[in-house]
Amino acid sequence: MFRKMKNIDTAFRHVRGFTMLVIVGCLVTCCFALYKSFSLVSQMQSKVYILANGKALEAYASERKDNIPVEARDHVKTFHVLFFTLDPDEKAIQANVTKALYLADGTAKRAYDDLKENGYFSGLISGNVNQTITVDSVAVDINDYPYRFRCYATQQIIRPTSITTRSLLTEGALRNVGRSDNNPHGFLIERWNTIENRDLKTVGRR
């Protein structure tokens, strides 16, 4: 009888040990599954999928400080393209300049008002003149805030009888502002100034 009790006690300890081992194994498995789930969710949150031309393209989220130079250069380029791309159409000029002025402070508005007061835009319209710009490079210093920049560009003024190529050099500073549909990069150009804007060559048109 004592032998039977001893066997029952031994079997009970074995069952208890096995049960504890199973419970510990389940806990470890659950903890590992939770860890992997949180890790996977974190990875998925850092990915953005963009639908372009019927194809899903994967984009990665990152800290803004990693993208400041790229965003700053694109902001400056976008502003100059909008401000200096002019067609002999009052509504087209107004539409482009309005978009550009969302990206800069009052210094750009004053430059626009000066050009308008001097009859620059009315001269383009009456003379059937197109103006285009190519931004060659944008240098941005992100070591100091507000970020200083210089923009090097080439203008083409296309008249019915000639094409004039001009060099354009401007400078200014970039201040952080809230992002919006009108200002997707969240920068505002301050103290914008034209350093150089001179003729390089003029060629006739046939």
Protein backbone atom coordinates (compact mmCIF):
# COMPACT_ATOMS: atom_id res chain seq x y z
CA MET A 1 0.00 0.00 0.00
CA PHE A 2 2.84 2.35 0.90
CA ARG A 3 4.50 1.44 -2.39
CA LYS A 4 1.27 2.35 -4.22
CA MET A 5 1.06 5.70 -2.40
CA LYS A 6 4.68 6.38 -3.25
CA ASN A 7 4.02 5.63 -6.91
CA ILE A 8 0.99 7.94 -6.89
CA ASP A 9 3.04 10.70 -5.25
CA THR A 10 5.83 10.25 -7.82
CA ALA A 11 3.33 10.28 -10.69
CA PHE A 12 1.71 13.42 -9.26
CA ARG A 13 5.08 15.18 -9.10
CA HIS A 14 5.83 14.17 -12.66
CA VAL A 15 2.45 15.40 -13.85
CA ARG A 16 2.89 18.64 -11.89
CA GLY A 17 6.36 19.13 -13.31
CA PHE A 18 5.17 18.45 -16.83
CA THR A 19 2.19 20.81 -16.34
CA MET A 20 4.49 23.57 -15.07
CA LEU A 21 6.79 23.00 -18.02
CA VAL A 22 3.84 23.28 -20.43
CA ILE A 23 2.64 26.49 -18.71
CA VAL A 24 6.10 28.03 -18.83
CA GLY A 25 6.41 27.05 -22.49
CA CYS A 26 3.02 28.64 -23.26
CA LEU A 27 4.02 31.84 -21.44
CA VAL A 28 7.30 32.04 -23.35
CA THR A 29 5.50 31.41 -26.64
CA CYS A 30 2.87 34.09 -25.87
CA CYS A 31 5.53 36.63 -24.86
CA PHE A 32 7.50 35.93 -28.03
CA ALA A 33 4.35 36.21 -30.16
CA LEU A 34 3.46 39.54 -28.51
CA TYR A 35 6.99 40.86 -29.04
CA LYS A 36 6.98 39.88 -32.71
CA SER A 37 3.50 41.35 -33.17
CA PHE A 38 4.51 44.72 -31.71
CA SER A 39 7.71 44.65 -33.74
CA LEU A 40 5.78 43.92 -36.94
CA VAL A 41 3.23 46.68 -36.21
CA SER A 42 6.07 49.14 -35.59
CA GLN A 43 7.68 48.19 -38.90
CA MET A 44 4.39 48.52 -40.76
CA GLN A 45 3.75 51.97 -39.25
CA SER A 46 7.06 53.18 -40.68
CA LYS A 47 5.93 52.28 -44.19
CA VAL A 48 3.64 54.23 -46.46
CA TYR A 49 2.20 52.85 -49.67
CA ILE A 50 1.54 55.25 -52.53
CA LEU A 51 -0.68 54.34 -55.45
CA ALA A 52 0.81 55.67 -58.67
CA ASN A 53 -0.34 54.65 -62.14
CA GLY A 54 -2.12 51.64 -60.73
CA LYS A 55 0.97 50.39 -58.89
CA ALA A 56 1.52 50.36 -55.12
CA LEU A 57 4.89 51.93 -54.29
CA GLU A 58 6.39 51.61 -50.84
CA ALA A 59 7.68 54.72 -49.08
CA TYR A 60 9.47 54.85 -45.74
CA ALA A 61 8.79 57.33 -42.95
CA SER A 62 11.79 59.04 -41.40
CA GLU A 63 12.66 61.87 -39.10
CA ARG A 64 12.35 65.29 -40.70
CA LYS A 65 15.92 66.20 -39.80
CA ASP A 66 17.09 63.48 -42.19
CA ASN A 67 15.26 65.17 -45.07
CA ILE A 68 15.81 68.87 -44.32
CA PRO A 69 18.44 69.47 -47.06
CA VAL A 70 16.34 67.69 -49.72
CA GLU A 71 13.07 69.36 -48.71
CA ALA A 72 14.73 72.77 -48.38
CA ARG A 73 16.27 72.58 -51.85
CA ASP A 74 12.98 71.47 -53.38
CA HIS A 75 11.09 74.25 -51.57
CA VAL A 76 13.47 76.90 -52.92
CA LYS A 77 13.36 75.39 -56.42
CA THR A 78 9.57 75.23 -56.44
CA PHE A 79 9.29 78.86 -55.35
CA HIS A 80 11.64 80.11 -58.07
CA VAL A 81 10.00 78.03 -60.80
CA LEU A 82 6.56 79.37 -59.84
CA PHE A 83 7.70 82.98 -59.43
CA PHE A 84 9.76 83.21 -62.61
CA THR A 85 7.79 81.02 -65.03
CA LEU A 86 5.66 83.60 -66.79
CA ASP A 87 3.42 83.37 -69.83
CA PRO A 88 1.83 86.29 -71.70
CA ASP A 89 -1.43 85.70 -69.87
CA GLU A 90 -2.53 87.73 -66.84
CA LYS A 91 -4.46 84.87 -65.23
CA ALA A 92 -1.55 82.43 -65.68
CA ILE A 93 0.88 84.93 -64.17
CA GLN A 94 -1.43 85.59 -61.23
CA ALA A 95 -1.99 81.87 -60.61
CA ASN A 96 1.75 81.07 -60.57
CA VAL A 97 2.72 84.04 -58.43
CA THR A 98 -0.08 83.33 -55.94
CA LYS A 99 1.24 79.79 -55.44
CA ALA A 100 4.78 81.14 -55.06
CA LEU A 101 3.79 83.71 -52.44
CA TYR A 102 2.50 80.95 -50.15
CA LEU A 103 6.12 79.77 -49.94
CA ALA A 104 7.73 83.08 -48.97
CA ASP A 105 7.25 86.08 -46.69
CA GLY A 106 6.63 89.74 -47.51
CA THR A 107 9.96 90.20 -49.28
CA ALA A 108 8.68 88.16 -52.23
CA LYS A 109 5.40 90.10 -52.22
CA ARG A 110 7.33 93.38 -52.32
CA ALA A 111 9.42 92.12 -55.25
CA TYR A 112 6.23 91.17 -57.10
CA ASP A 113 4.62 94.54 -56.36
CA ASP A 114 7.72 96.36 -57.62
CA LEU A 115 7.71 94.40 -60.87
CA LYS A 116 4.00 95.02 -61.32
CA GLU A 117 4.34 98.72 -60.60
CA ASN A 118 7.18 99.02 -63.11
CA GLY A 119 4.99 97.46 -65.79
CA TYR A 120 7.06 94.27 -66.11
CA PHE A 121 4.10 91.89 -66.33
CA SER A 122 2.05 94.12 -68.62
CA GLY A 123 5.13 94.32 -70.88
CA LEU A 124 5.28 90.53 -71.07
CA ILE A 125 1.60 90.36 -71.98
CA SER A 126 1.65 93.15 -74.56
CA GLY A 127 4.92 91.91 -76.08
CA ASN A 128 3.79 88.27 -76.21
CA VAL A 129 6.87 87.26 -74.20
CA ASN A 130 7.44 83.95 -72.39
CA GLN A 131 9.83 83.61 -69.47
CA THR A 132 11.14 80.27 -68.24
CA ILE A 133 13.67 79.34 -65.59
CA THR A 134 15.98 76.39 -64.96
CA VAL A 135 17.26 76.03 -61.40
CA ASP A 136 20.86 74.86 -61.76
CA SER A 137 21.58 74.31 -58.06
CA VAL A 138 20.49 75.30 -54.56
CA ALA A 139 23.01 75.54 -51.71
CA VAL A 140 21.50 75.28 -48.21
CA ASP A 141 23.39 75.72 -44.93
CA ILE A 142 21.56 73.73 -42.24
CA ASN A 143 24.19 74.32 -39.55
CA ASP A 144 22.48 77.55 -38.46
CA TYR A 145 18.78 78.34 -38.10
CA PRO A 146 17.09 79.94 -40.00
CA TYR A 147 18.73 77.97 -42.80
CA ARG A 148 20.53 80.22 -45.30
CA PHE A 149 20.33 79.38 -49.00
CA ARG A 150 21.58 80.52 -52.37
CA CYS A 151 19.84 79.65 -55.61
CA TYR A 152 21.68 79.55 -58.94
CA ALA A 153 19.42 79.58 -61.98
CA THR A 154 19.24 80.39 -65.67
CA GLN A 155 16.37 82.35 -67.22
CA GLN A 156 15.22 82.39 -70.81
CA ILE A 157 13.15 85.30 -72.06
CA ILE A 158 11.55 84.30 -75.33
CA ARG A 159 10.39 87.21 -77.49
CA PRO A 160 8.88 86.94 -80.98
CA THR A 161 12.21 88.04 -82.50
CA SER A 162 14.87 86.86 -80.01
CA ILE A 163 15.75 84.64 -77.06
CA THR A 164 17.69 86.17 -74.17
CA THR A 165 19.48 83.99 -71.65
CA ARG A 166 20.09 85.49 -68.21
CA SER A 167 21.86 84.30 -65.10
CA LEU A 168 19.98 84.59 -61.80
CA LEU A 169 21.44 84.40 -58.30
CA THR A 170 19.25 84.86 -55.24
CA GLU A 171 19.66 84.30 -51.51
CA GLY A 172 17.49 84.14 -48.43
CA ALA A 173 16.67 82.13 -45.34
CA LEU A 174 14.25 79.31 -44.55
CA ARG A 175 12.07 79.23 -41.44
CA ASN A 176 9.99 76.27 -40.28
CA VAL A 177 6.22 76.67 -40.47
CA GLY A 178 3.28 74.27 -40.45
CA ARG A 179 2.76 72.07 -43.49
CA SER A 180 -0.32 72.65 -45.61
CA ASP A 181 -1.64 71.93 -49.09
CA ASN A 182 -0.22 75.28 -50.22
CA ASN A 183 3.11 74.70 -48.44
CA PRO A 184 3.78 70.94 -48.30
CA HIS A 185 7.42 71.24 -47.19
CA GLY A 186 6.64 73.42 -44.18
CA PHE A 187 9.25 76.12 -44.91
CA LEU A 188 8.88 79.87 -45.40
CA ILE A 189 11.43 81.86 -47.40
CA GLU A 190 12.55 85.01 -45.57
CA ARG A 191 14.71 87.99 -46.53
CA TRP A 192 14.67 86.92 -50.18
CA ASN A 193 16.99 89.03 -52.27
CA THR A 194 18.25 88.99 -55.87
CA ILE A 195 22.04 89.30 -55.94
CA GLU A 196 22.57 89.01 -59.69
CA ASN A 197 20.36 88.99 -62.76
CA ARG A 198 22.35 89.75 -65.91
CA ASP A 199 22.21 88.94 -69.59
CA LEU A 200 24.44 86.14 -70.83
CA LYS A 201 23.50 86.12 -74.50
CA THR A 202 20.82 87.03 -76.98
CA VAL A 203 20.15 85.12 -80.17
CA GLY A 204 17.77 86.02 -82.96
CA ARG A 205 14.78 83.91 -84.00
CA ARG A 206 13.79 83.16 -87.55
